[in-house]
């Protein structure tokens, strides 16, 4: 590997590229990128799933700050 190769985090086949003898096959690369896309999709799904809860918590906190307080008579 040299400085022109992508970082190991961005390349799912970094361990195969470290061996200069044989390049990874097209099928193996396709499967690796499919797994990478699947993991990214799952991470995005978790963020979207938790978004309404986070928005509701922020809105509730804003409402309690806005409405809670001593009453003036």
N, C-alpha and C. Protein backbone atom coordinates (compact mmCIF):
# COMPACT_ATOMS: atom_id res chain seq x y z
N UNK A 1 0.84 -1.18 0.00
CA UNK A 1 0.00 0.00 0.00
C UNK A 1 0.88 1.24 0.00
N UNK A 2 0.40 2.29 -0.62
CA UNK A 2 1.14 3.54 -0.63
C UNK A 2 0.21 4.69 -0.24
N UNK A 3 0.72 5.90 -0.29
CA UNK A 3 -0.06 7.06 0.17
C UNK A 3 -1.22 7.40 -0.76
N UNK A 4 -1.27 6.85 -1.96
CA UNK A 4 -2.38 7.12 -2.88
C UNK A 4 -3.59 6.24 -2.63
N UNK A 5 -3.43 5.19 -1.85
CA UNK A 5 -4.55 4.30 -1.55
C UNK A 5 -5.49 4.97 -0.56
N UNK A 6 -6.79 4.66 -0.65
CA UNK A 6 -7.75 5.24 0.30
C UNK A 6 -7.51 4.72 1.71
N UNK A 7 -7.98 5.47 2.68
CA UNK A 7 -7.86 5.08 4.08
C UNK A 7 -8.64 3.79 4.29
N UNK A 8 -8.24 2.98 5.25
CA UNK A 8 -8.87 1.68 5.44
C UNK A 8 -10.33 1.81 5.83
N UNK A 9 -10.74 2.93 6.41
CA UNK A 9 -12.14 3.14 6.77
C UNK A 9 -13.02 3.30 5.53
N UNK A 10 -12.48 3.90 4.49
CA UNK A 10 -13.26 4.18 3.28
C UNK A 10 -13.17 3.04 2.27
N UNK A 11 -12.36 2.05 2.52
CA UNK A 11 -12.16 0.97 1.56
C UNK A 11 -12.44 -0.36 2.26
N UNK A 12 -13.58 -1.02 1.93
CA UNK A 12 -13.90 -2.26 2.63
C UNK A 12 -12.95 -3.41 2.32
N UNK A 13 -12.14 -3.30 1.28
CA UNK A 13 -11.21 -4.36 0.93
C UNK A 13 -9.75 -3.96 1.15
N UNK A 14 -9.50 -3.15 2.15
CA UNK A 14 -8.13 -2.67 2.38
C UNK A 14 -7.17 -3.81 2.65
N UNK A 15 -7.66 -4.86 3.30
CA UNK A 15 -6.76 -5.98 3.60
C UNK A 15 -6.38 -6.75 2.34
N UNK A 16 -7.27 -6.80 1.34
CA UNK A 16 -6.91 -7.46 0.08
C UNK A 16 -5.99 -6.60 -0.76
N UNK A 17 -6.10 -5.31 -0.65
CA UNK A 17 -5.25 -4.42 -1.44
C UNK A 17 -3.84 -4.34 -0.84
N UNK A 18 -3.70 -4.74 0.41
CA UNK A 18 -2.37 -4.73 1.03
C UNK A 18 -1.48 -5.82 0.44
N UNK A 19 -2.09 -6.87 -0.08
CA UNK A 19 -1.34 -7.95 -0.72
C UNK A 19 -1.16 -7.60 -2.20
N UNK A 20 0.05 -7.38 -2.67
CA UNK A 20 0.25 -6.96 -4.06
C UNK A 20 0.11 -8.07 -5.09
N UNK A 21 0.02 -9.32 -4.67
CA UNK A 21 0.03 -10.44 -5.63
C UNK A 21 -1.22 -10.48 -6.51
N UNK A 22 -2.38 -10.60 -5.90
CA UNK A 22 -3.61 -10.78 -6.65
C UNK A 22 -4.63 -9.74 -6.22
N UNK A 23 -5.23 -9.08 -7.18
CA UNK A 23 -6.28 -8.10 -6.87
C UNK A 23 -7.57 -8.83 -6.50
N UNK A 24 -8.41 -8.21 -5.67
CA UNK A 24 -9.68 -8.86 -5.32
C UNK A 24 -10.57 -9.00 -6.56
N UNK A 25 -11.35 -10.05 -6.57
CA UNK A 25 -12.21 -10.29 -7.74
C UNK A 25 -13.36 -9.29 -7.79
N UNK A 26 -13.98 -9.20 -8.92
CA UNK A 26 -15.10 -8.28 -9.12
C UNK A 26 -16.28 -8.67 -8.23
N UNK A 27 -16.50 -9.96 -8.06
CA UNK A 27 -17.60 -10.44 -7.20
C UNK A 27 -17.34 -10.05 -5.75
N UNK A 28 -16.11 -10.25 -5.29
CA UNK A 28 -15.77 -9.91 -3.91
C UNK A 28 -15.89 -8.40 -3.67
N UNK A 29 -15.45 -7.61 -4.62
CA UNK A 29 -15.60 -6.16 -4.48
C UNK A 29 -17.06 -5.76 -4.46
N UNK A 30 -17.86 -6.37 -5.33
CA UNK A 30 -19.29 -6.06 -5.36
C UNK A 30 -19.97 -6.41 -4.05
N UNK A 31 -19.65 -7.57 -3.49
CA UNK A 31 -20.23 -7.97 -2.20
C UNK A 31 -19.78 -7.05 -1.07
N UNK A 32 -18.52 -6.65 -1.10
CA UNK A 32 -18.01 -5.76 -0.05
C UNK A 32 -18.71 -4.41 -0.10
N UNK A 33 -18.89 -3.87 -1.28
CA UNK A 33 -19.58 -2.58 -1.39
C UNK A 33 -21.07 -2.72 -1.09
N UNK A 34 -21.65 -3.88 -1.37
CA UNK A 34 -23.04 -4.11 -1.01
C UNK A 34 -23.21 -4.12 0.51
N UNK A 35 -22.30 -4.76 1.22
CA UNK A 35 -22.32 -4.76 2.68
C UNK A 35 -22.11 -3.34 3.20
N UNK A 36 -21.21 -2.60 2.59
CA UNK A 36 -20.96 -1.22 3.01
C UNK A 36 -22.21 -0.36 2.83
N UNK A 37 -22.91 -0.51 1.71
CA UNK A 37 -24.15 0.22 1.48
C UNK A 37 -25.24 -0.21 2.45
N UNK A 38 -25.30 -1.50 2.75
CA UNK A 38 -26.29 -1.99 3.70
C UNK A 38 -26.06 -1.41 5.09
N UNK A 39 -24.81 -1.37 5.52
CA UNK A 39 -24.50 -0.79 6.84
C UNK A 39 -24.81 0.70 6.88
N UNK A 40 -24.49 1.40 5.80
CA UNK A 40 -24.80 2.84 5.76
C UNK A 40 -26.31 3.06 5.75
N UNK A 41 -27.05 2.23 5.06
CA UNK A 41 -28.50 2.34 5.05
C UNK A 41 -29.10 2.08 6.42
N UNK A 42 -28.56 1.10 7.13
CA UNK A 42 -29.04 0.81 8.47
C UNK A 42 -28.74 1.96 9.42
N UNK A 43 -27.57 2.55 9.31
CA UNK A 43 -27.22 3.69 10.17
C UNK A 43 -28.14 4.88 9.87
N UNK A 44 -28.43 5.10 8.60
CA UNK A 44 -29.34 6.18 8.22
C UNK A 44 -30.75 5.89 8.73
N UNK A 45 -31.18 4.64 8.65
CA UNK A 45 -32.49 4.26 9.15
C UNK A 45 -32.63 4.49 10.64
N UNK A 46 -31.59 4.20 11.40
CA UNK A 46 -31.63 4.44 12.84
C UNK A 46 -31.76 5.92 13.13
N UNK A 47 -31.06 6.75 12.39
CA UNK A 47 -31.16 8.21 12.60
C UNK A 47 -32.55 8.72 12.28
N UNK A 48 -33.13 8.24 11.19
CA UNK A 48 -34.47 8.67 10.80
C UNK A 48 -35.50 8.17 11.81
N UNK A 49 -35.31 6.96 12.32
CA UNK A 49 -36.23 6.39 13.29
C UNK A 49 -36.22 7.18 14.60
N UNK A 50 -35.04 7.67 15.02
CA UNK A 50 -34.93 8.39 16.29
C UNK A 50 -35.21 9.88 16.15
N UNK A 51 -35.32 10.39 14.93
CA UNK A 51 -35.53 11.82 14.72
C UNK A 51 -36.81 12.34 15.35
N UNK A 52 -37.99 11.71 15.16
CA UNK A 52 -39.19 12.26 15.78
C UNK A 52 -39.10 12.34 17.29
N UNK A 53 -38.46 11.35 17.91
CA UNK A 53 -38.31 11.38 19.37
C UNK A 53 -37.44 12.55 19.79
N UNK A 54 -36.36 12.79 19.09
CA UNK A 54 -35.47 13.90 19.43
C UNK A 54 -36.18 15.24 19.24
N UNK A 55 -36.96 15.36 18.16
CA UNK A 55 -37.70 16.61 17.94
C UNK A 55 -38.75 16.83 19.02
N UNK A 56 -39.46 15.76 19.41
CA UNK A 56 -40.47 15.89 20.45
C UNK A 56 -39.83 16.28 21.79
N UNK A 57 -38.69 15.70 22.11
CA UNK A 57 -38.01 16.03 23.36
C UNK A 57 -37.57 17.50 23.36
N UNK A 58 -37.07 17.98 22.25
CA UNK A 58 -36.67 19.39 22.19
C UNK A 58 -37.87 20.31 22.31
N UNK A 59 -38.97 19.95 21.64
CA UNK A 59 -40.17 20.78 21.72
C UNK A 59 -40.74 20.79 23.14
N UNK A 60 -40.74 19.64 23.80
CA UNK A 60 -41.24 19.57 25.17
C UNK A 60 -40.35 20.37 26.11
N UNK A 61 -39.05 20.31 25.92
CA UNK A 61 -38.14 21.09 26.77
C UNK A 61 -38.35 22.58 26.55
N UNK A 62 -38.56 22.99 25.31
CA UNK A 62 -38.81 24.40 25.02
C UNK A 62 -40.12 24.85 25.64
N UNK A 63 -41.16 24.02 25.56
CA UNK A 63 -42.45 24.37 26.15
C UNK A 63 -42.37 24.48 27.67
N UNK A 64 -41.64 23.58 28.31
CA UNK A 64 -41.54 23.66 29.77
C UNK A 64 -40.76 24.89 30.20
N UNK A 65 -39.75 25.27 29.43
CA UNK A 65 -39.03 26.50 29.77
C UNK A 65 -39.91 27.72 29.53
N UNK A 66 -40.70 27.69 28.49
CA UNK A 66 -41.53 28.83 28.12
C UNK A 66 -42.72 28.99 29.07
N UNK A 67 -43.35 27.89 29.49
CA UNK A 67 -44.56 27.97 30.30
C UNK A 67 -44.31 27.85 31.79
N UNK A 68 -43.25 27.18 32.20
CA UNK A 68 -43.00 26.99 33.63
C UNK A 68 -42.36 28.24 34.20
N UNK A 69 -42.79 28.59 35.35
CA UNK A 69 -42.23 29.75 36.01
C UNK A 69 -43.22 30.29 37.03
N UNK A 70 -42.76 31.20 37.86
CA UNK A 70 -43.67 31.73 38.87
C UNK A 70 -44.75 32.61 38.22
N UNK A 71 -45.94 32.49 38.76
CA UNK A 71 -47.05 33.30 38.25
C UNK A 71 -47.07 34.65 38.97
N UNK A 72 -47.31 35.65 38.19
CA UNK A 72 -47.42 36.97 38.78
C UNK A 72 -48.89 37.27 39.08
N UNK A 73 -49.14 37.87 40.23
CA UNK A 73 -50.52 38.17 40.55
C UNK A 73 -50.80 39.66 40.55
